[in-house]
Amino acid sequence: MFRLSLLFVFASAVAVFGGTLPAEYLEWEGRIVGGSNAASGQFPYQVSLRSAANAHFCGGSVINNRYALSAAHCTVGRTTANTRVVVGTHLLNSGGVMHNVARIVNHGSYNANTLNNDVSLVQTVSTIAFNNLVQTIGLATNFINTGAGALASGWGQLGANAGIPNNLQWLSTSIITLADCRSRHSAANAARVFDSTVCTLSPNGQGMCMGDSGGPLVHGGLQQGIVSWGIPCGVGSPDVFARVSTHRTWILNNAV
């Protein structure tokens, strides 16, 4: 399963960028770099999006009993037949409940070239049952301009040339201002740090990586961001997330 998942990661990145974006830019679909193993039930809102062959390709979060929130670049081009939502496990190879998918809703203004409005919703066929391993995460109403202790979680690669983990990874990181974020990126990438995004900065050796896409960034018990893009992997550049508070109305209007 893991080999298939890793191959999907790079195939997806090529499809998203089409060879037109800066060579150093890759979108994530793997594991957090420099993180820690999550315990069972530590992140009960965490979702694993999987193919029909049960290969993890992106993360997500449970926002109500029928919908997972993720990134549009994860779900554009996918169908309900080849997408699954797995909840309630911190391990890829065991546990959890797998749900078939009834509907995929990609943001109508999503731009595949710039990754602006990189938000999507995945509706499950069956109701998601809540327990100590499965819970919703609240959606932020206000933008946190700066803040330490933001939590990112995912099954992304352990490094640019490393494999993906079986155990869910998590990382405590810091939200930085958009001005600071842009100043730390090349001019081409800075232009894609939109006012509707959130940036985080971690020490060198920590950060998001291929496979973490679509996963949640949580601060103060509320989801602030959705993993969108970054410079792989954990090399000291800011990671960029779609901002939940900006898209909250769209999310609530479509997750019904």
C-alpha atoms as a PDB file:
ATOM      1  CA  MET A   1       0.000   0.000   0.000  1.00  0.00           C
ATOM      2  CA  PHE A   2       2.749   2.441   0.928  1.00  0.00           C
ATOM      3  CA  ARG A   3       4.649   2.004  -2.343  1.00  0.00           C
ATOM      4  CA  LEU A   4       1.504   2.665  -4.343  1.00  0.00           C
ATOM      5  CA  SER A   5       0.738   5.726  -2.244  1.00  0.00           C
ATOM      6  CA  LEU A   6       4.201   7.204  -2.761  1.00  0.00           C
ATOM      7  CA  LEU A   7       3.950   6.755  -6.524  1.00  0.00           C
ATOM      8  CA  PHE A   8       0.593   8.539  -6.494  1.00  0.00           C
ATOM      9  CA  VAL A   9       2.155  11.477  -4.669  1.00  0.00           C
ATOM     10  CA  PHE A  10       4.545  12.369  -7.440  1.00  0.00           C
ATOM     11  CA  ALA A  11       2.083  11.626 -10.214  1.00  0.00           C
ATOM     12  CA  SER A  12      -0.374  14.013  -8.566  1.00  0.00           C
ATOM     13  CA  ALA A  13       2.219  16.755  -8.188  1.00  0.00           C
ATOM     14  CA  VAL A  14       3.061  16.619 -11.888  1.00  0.00           C
ATOM     15  CA  ALA A  15      -0.620  16.762 -12.791  1.00  0.00           C
ATOM     16  CA  VAL A  16      -1.251  19.764 -10.566  1.00  0.00           C
ATOM     17  CA  PHE A  17       1.673  21.860 -11.719  1.00  0.00           C
ATOM     18  CA  GLY A  18       1.913  20.762 -15.313  1.00  0.00           C
ATOM     19  CA  GLY A  19       5.571  21.759 -15.383  1.00  0.00           C
ATOM     20  CA  THR A  20       4.725  25.466 -15.383  1.00  0.00           C
ATOM     21  CA  LEU A  21       5.501  26.386 -11.774  1.00  0.00           C
ATOM     22  CA  PRO A  22       8.983  26.934 -10.293  1.00  0.00           C
ATOM     23  CA  ALA A  23      11.031  23.725 -10.266  1.00  0.00           C
ATOM     24  CA  GLU A  24      11.669  23.929  -6.523  1.00  0.00           C
ATOM     25  CA  TYR A  25       7.939  24.020  -5.798  1.00  0.00           C
ATOM     26  CA  LEU A  26       6.140  20.781  -5.050  1.00  0.00           C
ATOM     27  CA  GLU A  27       2.833  20.260  -3.346  1.00  0.00           C
ATOM     28  CA  TRP A  28       2.602  17.820  -0.462  1.00  0.00           C
ATOM     29  CA  GLU A  29       0.998  14.461  -0.360  1.00  0.00           C
ATOM     30  CA  GLY A  30       3.105  12.597   2.218  1.00  0.00           C
ATOM     31  CA  ARG A  31       4.331  12.983   5.842  1.00  0.00           C
ATOM     32  CA  ILE A  32       5.338  15.682   8.321  1.00  0.00           C
ATOM     33  CA  VAL A  33       9.109  16.106   8.661  1.00  0.00           C
ATOM     34  CA  GLY A  34      10.618  16.205  12.149  1.00  0.00           C
ATOM     35  CA  GLY A  35       7.319  15.466  13.861  1.00  0.00           C
ATOM     36  CA  SER A  36       6.246  13.062  16.593  1.00  0.00           C
ATOM     37  CA  ASN A  37       4.103   9.945  16.594  1.00  0.00           C
ATOM     38  CA  ALA A  38       0.483  10.705  17.443  1.00  0.00           C
ATOM     39  CA  ALA A  39      -1.243   8.559  20.040  1.00  0.00           C
ATOM     40  CA  SER A  40      -4.567   6.863  19.451  1.00  0.00           C
ATOM     41  CA  GLY A  41      -7.341   9.471  19.748  1.00  0.00           C
ATOM     42  CA  GLN A  42      -4.938  12.419  19.974  1.00  0.00           C
ATOM     43  CA  PHE A  43      -6.287  13.943  16.747  1.00  0.00           C
ATOM     44  CA  PRO A  44      -9.836  12.545  16.495  1.00  0.00           C
ATOM     45  CA  TYR A  45     -10.715  14.930  13.654  1.00  0.00           C
ATOM     46  CA  GLN A  46      -7.930  13.639  11.383  1.00  0.00           C
ATOM     47  CA  VAL A  47      -8.982  12.045   8.090  1.00  0.00           C
ATOM     48  CA  SER A  48      -7.055   9.896   5.640  1.00  0.00           C
ATOM     49  CA  LEU A  49      -8.267  10.233   2.053  1.00  0.00           C
ATOM     50  CA  ARG A  50      -7.567   7.031   0.165  1.00  0.00           C
ATOM     51  CA  SER A  51      -7.893   5.537  -3.270  1.00  0.00           C
ATOM     52  CA  ALA A  52     -10.127   2.588  -4.055  1.00  0.00           C
ATOM     53  CA  ALA A  53      -6.996   0.460  -3.539  1.00  0.00           C
ATOM     54  CA  ASN A  54      -6.756   1.807   0.046  1.00  0.00           C
ATOM     55  CA  ALA A  55      -3.656   3.949  -0.666  1.00  0.00           C
ATOM     56  CA  HIS A  56      -3.441   7.179   1.357  1.00  0.00           C
ATOM     57  CA  PHE A  57      -3.044  10.232  -0.871  1.00  0.00           C
ATOM     58  CA  CYS A  58      -4.113  13.243   1.212  1.00  0.00           C
ATOM     59  CA  GLY A  59      -5.309  14.330   4.625  1.00  0.00           C
ATOM     60  CA  GLY A  60      -8.486  16.018   5.764  1.00  0.00           C
ATOM     61  CA  SER A  61     -10.573  16.822   8.823  1.00  0.00           C
ATOM     62  CA  VAL A  62     -14.015  15.832  10.085  1.00  0.00           C
ATOM     63  CA  ILE A  63     -16.264  18.921  10.234  1.00  0.00           C
ATOM     64  CA  ASN A  64     -19.660  17.256  10.655  1.00  0.00           C
ATOM     65  CA  ASN A  65     -21.205  13.797  10.485  1.00  0.00           C
ATOM     66  CA  ARG A  66     -21.205  13.669   6.670  1.00  0.00           C
ATOM     67  CA  TYR A  67     -18.294  15.848   5.505  1.00  0.00           C
ATOM     68  CA  ALA A  68     -14.519  15.946   5.512  1.00  0.00           C
ATOM     69  CA  LEU A  69     -12.679  19.183   4.713  1.00  0.00           C
ATOM     70  CA  SER A  70      -9.608  18.920   2.461  1.00  0.00           C
ATOM     71  CA  ALA A  71      -7.687  20.711  -0.316  1.00  0.00           C
ATOM     72  CA  ALA A  72      -8.991  21.091  -3.862  1.00  0.00           C
ATOM     73  CA  HIS A  73      -5.672  20.013  -5.375  1.00  0.00           C
ATOM     74  CA  CYS A  74      -6.211  16.675  -3.611  1.00  0.00           C
ATOM     75  CA  THR A  75      -9.664  16.039  -5.032  1.00  0.00           C
ATOM     76  CA  VAL A  76      -9.818  17.766  -8.435  1.00  0.00           C
ATOM     77  CA  GLY A  77     -10.022  15.040 -11.054  1.00  0.00           C
ATOM     78  CA  ARG A  78     -11.024  12.379  -8.566  1.00  0.00           C
ATOM     79  CA  THR A  79     -14.374  10.614  -8.595  1.00  0.00           C
ATOM     80  CA  THR A  80     -16.585   9.224  -5.874  1.00  0.00           C
ATOM     81  CA  ALA A  81     -15.717   5.740  -7.151  1.00  0.00           C
ATOM     82  CA  ASN A  82     -11.975   6.093  -6.490  1.00  0.00           C
ATOM     83  CA  THR A  83     -12.062   8.079  -3.238  1.00  0.00           C
ATOM     84  CA  ARG A  84     -12.571   6.868   0.316  1.00  0.00           C
ATOM     85  CA  VAL A  85     -12.683   8.653   3.695  1.00  0.00           C
ATOM     86  CA  VAL A  86     -11.084   6.868   6.650  1.00  0.00           C
ATOM     87  CA  VAL A  87     -11.675   8.182  10.182  1.00  0.00           C
ATOM     88  CA  GLY A  88     -10.856   7.056  13.697  1.00  0.00           C
ATOM     89  CA  THR A  89      -7.318   5.735  13.371  1.00  0.00           C
ATOM     90  CA  HIS A  90      -3.772   6.990  13.831  1.00  0.00           C
ATOM     91  CA  LEU A  91      -2.391   4.076  11.808  1.00  0.00           C
ATOM     92  CA  LEU A  92      -2.615   3.625   8.040  1.00  0.00           C
ATOM     93  CA  ASN A  93      -2.487  -0.154   8.121  1.00  0.00           C
ATOM     94  CA  SER A  94      -5.088  -0.859  10.782  1.00  0.00           C
ATOM     95  CA  GLY A  95      -8.121   0.449  12.643  1.00  0.00           C
ATOM     96  CA  GLY A  96     -10.550   3.152  11.686  1.00  0.00           C
ATOM     97  CA  VAL A  97     -13.768   3.194   9.705  1.00  0.00           C
ATOM     98  CA  MET A  98     -13.776   3.526   5.936  1.00  0.00           C
ATOM     99  CA  HIS A  99     -16.591   5.481   4.284  1.00  0.00           C
ATOM    100  CA  ASN A 100     -17.512   5.479   0.627  1.00  0.00           C
ATOM    101  CA  VAL A 101     -17.975   8.896  -0.959  1.00  0.00           C
ATOM    102  CA  ALA A 102     -21.251  10.358  -2.196  1.00  0.00           C
ATOM    103  CA  ARG A 103     -20.035  13.749  -3.444  1.00  0.00           C
ATOM    104  CA  ILE A 104     -16.892  15.814  -3.917  1.00  0.00           C
ATOM    105  CA  VAL A 105     -17.236  19.613  -3.910  1.00  0.00           C
ATOM    106  CA  ASN A 106     -14.225  21.629  -5.100  1.00  0.00           C
ATOM    107  CA  HIS A 107     -14.183  25.381  -4.531  1.00  0.00           C
ATOM    108  CA  GLY A 108     -15.603  27.061  -7.616  1.00  0.00           C
ATOM    109  CA  SER A 109     -12.771  29.607  -7.706  1.00  0.00           C
ATOM    110  CA  TYR A 110      -9.947  27.126  -7.187  1.00  0.00           C
ATOM    111  CA  ASN A 111      -6.980  27.930  -9.452  1.00  0.00           C
ATOM    112  CA  ALA A 112      -4.806  24.921 -10.222  1.00  0.00           C
ATOM    113  CA  ASN A 113      -1.900  27.120 -11.377  1.00  0.00           C
ATOM    114  CA  THR A 114      -1.667  29.310  -8.270  1.00  0.00           C
ATOM    115  CA  LEU A 115      -3.495  27.064  -5.755  1.00  0.00           C
ATOM    116  CA  ASN A 116      -5.692  29.998  -4.753  1.00  0.00           C
ATOM    117  CA  ASN A 117      -8.879  28.879  -2.962  1.00  0.00           C
ATOM    118  CA  ASP A 118      -7.409  25.417  -2.375  1.00  0.00           C
ATOM    119  CA  VAL A 119     -10.434  24.048  -0.527  1.00  0.00           C
ATOM    120  CA  SER A 120     -12.699  21.064  -1.045  1.00  0.00           C
ATOM    121  CA  LEU A 121     -15.346  19.020   0.719  1.00  0.00           C
ATOM    122  CA  VAL A 122     -15.856  15.266   0.591  1.00  0.00           C
ATOM    123  CA  GLN A 123     -19.279  13.918   1.543  1.00  0.00           C
ATOM    124  CA  THR A 124     -19.574  10.385   2.871  1.00  0.00           C
ATOM    125  CA  VAL A 125     -22.329   7.984   1.855  1.00  0.00           C
ATOM    126  CA  SER A 126     -22.918   6.872   5.438  1.00  0.00           C
ATOM    127  CA  THR A 127     -23.080   8.961   8.581  1.00  0.00           C
ATOM    128  CA  ILE A 128     -19.815   9.335  10.488  1.00  0.00           C
ATOM    129  CA  ALA A 129     -20.295   7.975  14.003  1.00  0.00           C
ATOM    130  CA  PHE A 130     -18.640   9.976  16.798  1.00  0.00           C
ATOM    131  CA  ASN A 131     -16.776   8.422  19.713  1.00  0.00           C
ATOM    132  CA  ASN A 132     -13.502   8.933  21.574  1.00  0.00           C
ATOM    133  CA  LEU A 133     -11.562   8.310  18.338  1.00  0.00           C
ATOM    134  CA  VAL A 134     -13.748  10.365  15.987  1.00  0.00           C
ATOM    135  CA  GLN A 135     -14.745  13.973  16.643  1.00  0.00           C
ATOM    136  CA  THR A 136     -15.337  17.138  14.638  1.00  0.00           C
ATOM    137  CA  ILE A 137     -13.017  20.139  14.634  1.00  0.00           C
ATOM    138  CA  GLY A 138     -14.466  23.632  14.837  1.00  0.00           C
ATOM    139  CA  LEU A 139     -13.831  26.148  12.062  1.00  0.00           C
ATOM    140  CA  ALA A 140     -12.028  29.376  12.932  1.00  0.00           C
ATOM    141  CA  THR A 141     -14.008  32.576  12.490  1.00  0.00           C
ATOM    142  CA  ASN A 142     -11.049  34.945  12.888  1.00  0.00           C
ATOM    143  CA  PHE A 143      -7.600  34.947  11.337  1.00  0.00           C
ATOM    144  CA  ILE A 144      -4.692  34.432  13.735  1.00  0.00           C
ATOM    145  CA  ASN A 145      -2.015  36.800  12.435  1.00  0.00           C
ATOM    146  CA  THR A 146       0.739  35.259  14.557  1.00  0.00           C
ATOM    147  CA  GLY A 147       0.750  32.505  17.120  1.00  0.00           C
ATOM    148  CA  ALA A 148       2.935  29.769  18.525  1.00  0.00           C
ATOM    149  CA  GLY A 149       1.688  26.280  19.283  1.00  0.00           C
ATOM    150  CA  ALA A 150      -0.305  25.637  16.102  1.00  0.00           C
ATOM    151  CA  LEU A 151      -0.732  21.912  15.512  1.00  0.00           C
ATOM    152  CA  ALA A 152      -0.298  20.273  12.107  1.00  0.00           C
ATOM    153  CA  SER A 153      -0.937  16.565  11.600  1.00  0.00           C
ATOM    154  CA  GLY A 154      -0.648  14.160   8.709  1.00  0.00           C
ATOM    155  CA  TRP A 155       0.796  11.056   7.109  1.00  0.00           C
ATOM    156  CA  GLY A 156       3.148  12.919   4.784  1.00  0.00           C
ATOM    157  CA  GLN A 157       6.656  11.807   3.890  1.00  0.00           C
ATOM    158  CA  LEU A 158       9.383  11.973   6.504  1.00  0.00           C
ATOM    159  CA  GLY A 159      11.547  13.861   4.031  1.00  0.00           C
ATOM    160  CA  ALA A 160      11.802  14.753   0.356  1.00  0.00           C
ATOM    161  CA  ASN A 161      13.423  11.412  -0.426  1.00  0.00           C
ATOM    162  CA  ALA A 162      11.923   9.393   2.412  1.00  0.00           C
ATOM    163  CA  GLY A 163       8.892   7.156   2.708  1.00  0.00           C
ATOM    164  CA  ILE A 164       5.576   7.736   4.412  1.00  0.00           C
ATOM    165  CA  PRO A 165       4.877   6.652   7.999  1.00  0.00           C
ATOM    166  CA  ASN A 166       2.321   4.218   9.243  1.00  0.00           C
ATOM    167  CA  ASN A 167       1.806   6.254  12.428  1.00  0.00           C
ATOM    168  CA  LEU A 168       0.146   9.663  12.130  1.00  0.00           C
ATOM    169  CA  GLN A 169       2.661  12.459  12.708  1.00  0.00           C
ATOM    170  CA  TRP A 170       2.132  15.823  14.381  1.00  0.00           C
ATOM    171  CA  LEU A 171       4.128  18.996  14.750  1.00  0.00           C
ATOM    172  CA  SER A 172       3.838  22.151  16.849  1.00  0.00           C
ATOM    173  CA  THR A 173       4.617  25.128  14.632  1.00  0.00           C
ATOM    174  CA  SER A 174       4.218  28.915  14.590  1.00  0.00           C
ATOM    175  CA  ILE A 175       1.836  31.010  12.497  1.00  0.00           C
ATOM    176  CA  ILE A 176       3.673  34.003  10.986  1.00  0.00           C
ATOM    177  CA  THR A 177       2.448  37.154   9.260  1.00  0.00           C
ATOM    178  CA  LEU A 178       1.821  37.076   5.538  1.00  0.00           C
ATOM    179  CA  ALA A 179       4.419  39.831   5.076  1.00  0.00           C
ATOM    180  CA  ASP A 180       7.041  37.704   6.806  1.00  0.00           C
ATOM    181  CA  CYS A 181       5.953  34.670   4.806  1.00  0.00           C
ATOM    182  CA  ARG A 182       6.292  36.483   1.476  1.00  0.00           C
ATOM    183  CA  SER A 183       9.702  37.854   2.394  1.00  0.00           C
ATOM    184  CA  ARG A 184      11.002  34.320   2.980  1.00  0.00           C
ATOM    185  CA  HIS A 185       9.839  33.010  -0.418  1.00  0.00           C
ATOM    186  CA  SER A 186      11.077  33.698  -3.930  1.00  0.00           C
ATOM    187  CA  ALA A 187       9.202  36.436  -5.810  1.00  0.00           C
ATOM    188  CA  ALA A 188       7.276  33.860  -7.845  1.00  0.00           C
ATOM    189  CA  ASN A 189       6.156  31.931  -4.794  1.00  0.00           C
ATOM    190  CA  ALA A 190       5.506  35.059  -2.720  1.00  0.00           C
ATOM    191  CA  ALA A 191       2.952  36.102  -5.335  1.00  0.00           C
ATOM    192  CA  ARG A 192       0.982  32.979  -4.443  1.00  0.00           C
ATOM    193  CA  VAL A 193       0.831  33.765  -0.743  1.00  0.00           C
ATOM    194  CA  PHE A 194      -2.648  35.236  -0.996  1.00  0.00           C
ATOM    195  CA  ASP A 195      -4.542  37.191   1.637  1.00  0.00           C
ATOM    196  CA  SER A 196      -6.721  34.069   1.951  1.00  0.00           C
ATOM    197  CA  THR A 197      -3.826  31.906   3.157  1.00  0.00           C
ATOM    198  CA  VAL A 198      -2.058  31.177   6.438  1.00  0.00           C
ATOM    199  CA  CYS A 199       1.687  30.594   6.780  1.00  0.00           C
ATOM    200  CA  THR A 200       3.660  28.699   9.375  1.00  0.00           C
ATOM    201  CA  LEU A 201       7.385  28.603  10.059  1.00  0.00           C
ATOM    202  CA  SER A 202       9.245  25.782  11.760  1.00  0.00           C
ATOM    203  CA  PRO A 203      12.935  25.257  12.502  1.00  0.00           C
ATOM    204  CA  ASN A 204      15.031  23.704   9.753  1.00  0.00           C
ATOM    205  CA  GLY A 205      14.354  19.983   9.720  1.00  0.00           C
ATOM    206  CA  GLN A 206      10.664  20.366  10.569  1.00  0.00           C
ATOM    207  CA  GLY A 207       7.672  21.052   8.360  1.00  0.00           C
ATOM    208  CA  MET A 208       5.146  19.640   5.949  1.00  0.00           C
ATOM    209  CA  CYS A 209       5.950  17.243   3.112  1.00  0.00           C
ATOM    210  CA  MET A 210       4.391  15.325   0.239  1.00  0.00           C
ATOM    211  CA  GLY A 211       1.234  13.574   1.475  1.00  0.00           C
ATOM    212  CA  ASP A 212       0.245  16.079   4.166  1.00  0.00           C
ATOM    213  CA  SER A 213      -1.897  18.034   1.688  1.00  0.00           C
ATOM    214  CA  GLY A 214      -5.468  18.694   2.766  1.00  0.00           C
ATOM    215  CA  GLY A 215      -4.680  18.127   6.432  1.00  0.00           C
ATOM    216  CA  PRO A 216      -5.610  20.485   9.260  1.00  0.00           C
ATOM    217  CA  LEU A 217      -3.701  23.278  10.982  1.00  0.00           C
ATOM    218  CA  VAL A 218      -5.281  23.838  14.400  1.00  0.00           C
ATOM    219  CA  HIS A 219      -4.736  26.663  16.869  1.00  0.00           C
ATOM    220  CA  GLY A 220      -6.722  27.225  20.040  1.00  0.00           C
ATOM    221  CA  GLY A 221      -8.904  24.210  19.329  1.00  0.00           C
ATOM    222  CA  LEU A 222     -10.098  25.564  15.964  1.00  0.00           C
ATOM    223  CA  GLN A 223      -8.955  24.755  12.452  1.00  0.00           C
ATOM    224  CA  GLN A 224      -7.111  27.724  10.986  1.00  0.00           C
ATOM    225  CA  GLY A 225      -5.685  26.201   7.826  1.00  0.00           C
ATOM    226  CA  ILE A 226      -5.729  23.446   5.226  1.00  0.00           C
ATOM    227  CA  VAL A 227      -2.335  22.199   4.034  1.00  0.00           C
ATOM    228  CA  SER A 228      -1.812  23.593   0.534  1.00  0.00           C
ATOM    229  CA  TRP A 229       1.808  24.022  -0.588  1.00  0.00           C
ATOM    230  CA  GLY A 230       5.402  24.534   0.405  1.00  0.00           C
ATOM    231  CA  ILE A 231       9.050  23.979  -0.482  1.00  0.00           C
ATOM    232  CA  PRO A 232       9.857  20.338   0.282  1.00  0.00           C
ATOM    233  CA  CYS A 233      10.561  19.350   2.844  1.00  0.00           C
ATOM    234  CA  GLY A 234      11.374  20.926   6.230  1.00  0.00           C
ATOM    235  CA  VAL A 235      14.100  23.141   4.768  1.00  0.00           C
ATOM    236  CA  GLY A 236      13.229  26.286   6.722  1.00  0.00           C
ATOM    237  CA  SER A 237      10.796  27.884   4.247  1.00  0.00           C
ATOM    238  CA  PRO A 238       7.274  28.789   5.377  1.00  0.00           C
ATOM    239  CA  ASP A 239       4.498  26.290   4.733  1.00  0.00           C
ATOM    240  CA  VAL A 240       1.305  27.677   3.202  1.00  0.00           C
ATOM    241  CA  PHE A 241      -2.289  26.758   4.064  1.00  0.00           C
ATOM    242  CA  ALA A 242      -5.679  27.785   2.725  1.00  0.00           C
ATOM    243  CA  ARG A 243      -7.243  30.012   5.393  1.00  0.00           C
ATOM    244  CA  VAL A 244     -10.335  28.477   6.963  1.00  0.00           C
ATOM    245  CA  SER A 245     -11.831  31.725   8.296  1.00  0.00           C
ATOM    246  CA  THR A 246     -11.833  33.215   4.774  1.00  0.00           C
ATOM    247  CA  HIS A 247     -13.627  30.193   3.360  1.00  0.00           C
ATOM    248  CA  ARG A 248     -15.836  29.446   6.356  1.00  0.00           C
ATOM    249  CA  THR A 249     -19.067  30.670   4.741  1.00  0.00           C
ATOM    250  CA  TRP A 250     -18.401  28.629   1.597  1.00  0.00           C
ATOM    251  CA  ILE A 251     -17.624  25.573   3.697  1.00  0.00           C
ATOM    252  CA  LEU A 252     -20.778  25.860   5.812  1.00  0.00           C
ATOM    253  CA  ASN A 253     -22.985  26.576   2.793  1.00  0.00           C
ATOM    254  CA  ASN A 254     -21.750  23.483   0.954  1.00  0.00           C
ATOM    255  CA  ALA A 255     -21.309  20.992   3.801  1.00  0.00           C
ATOM    256  CA  VAL A 256     -25.034  20.336   4.085  1.00  0.00           C
END
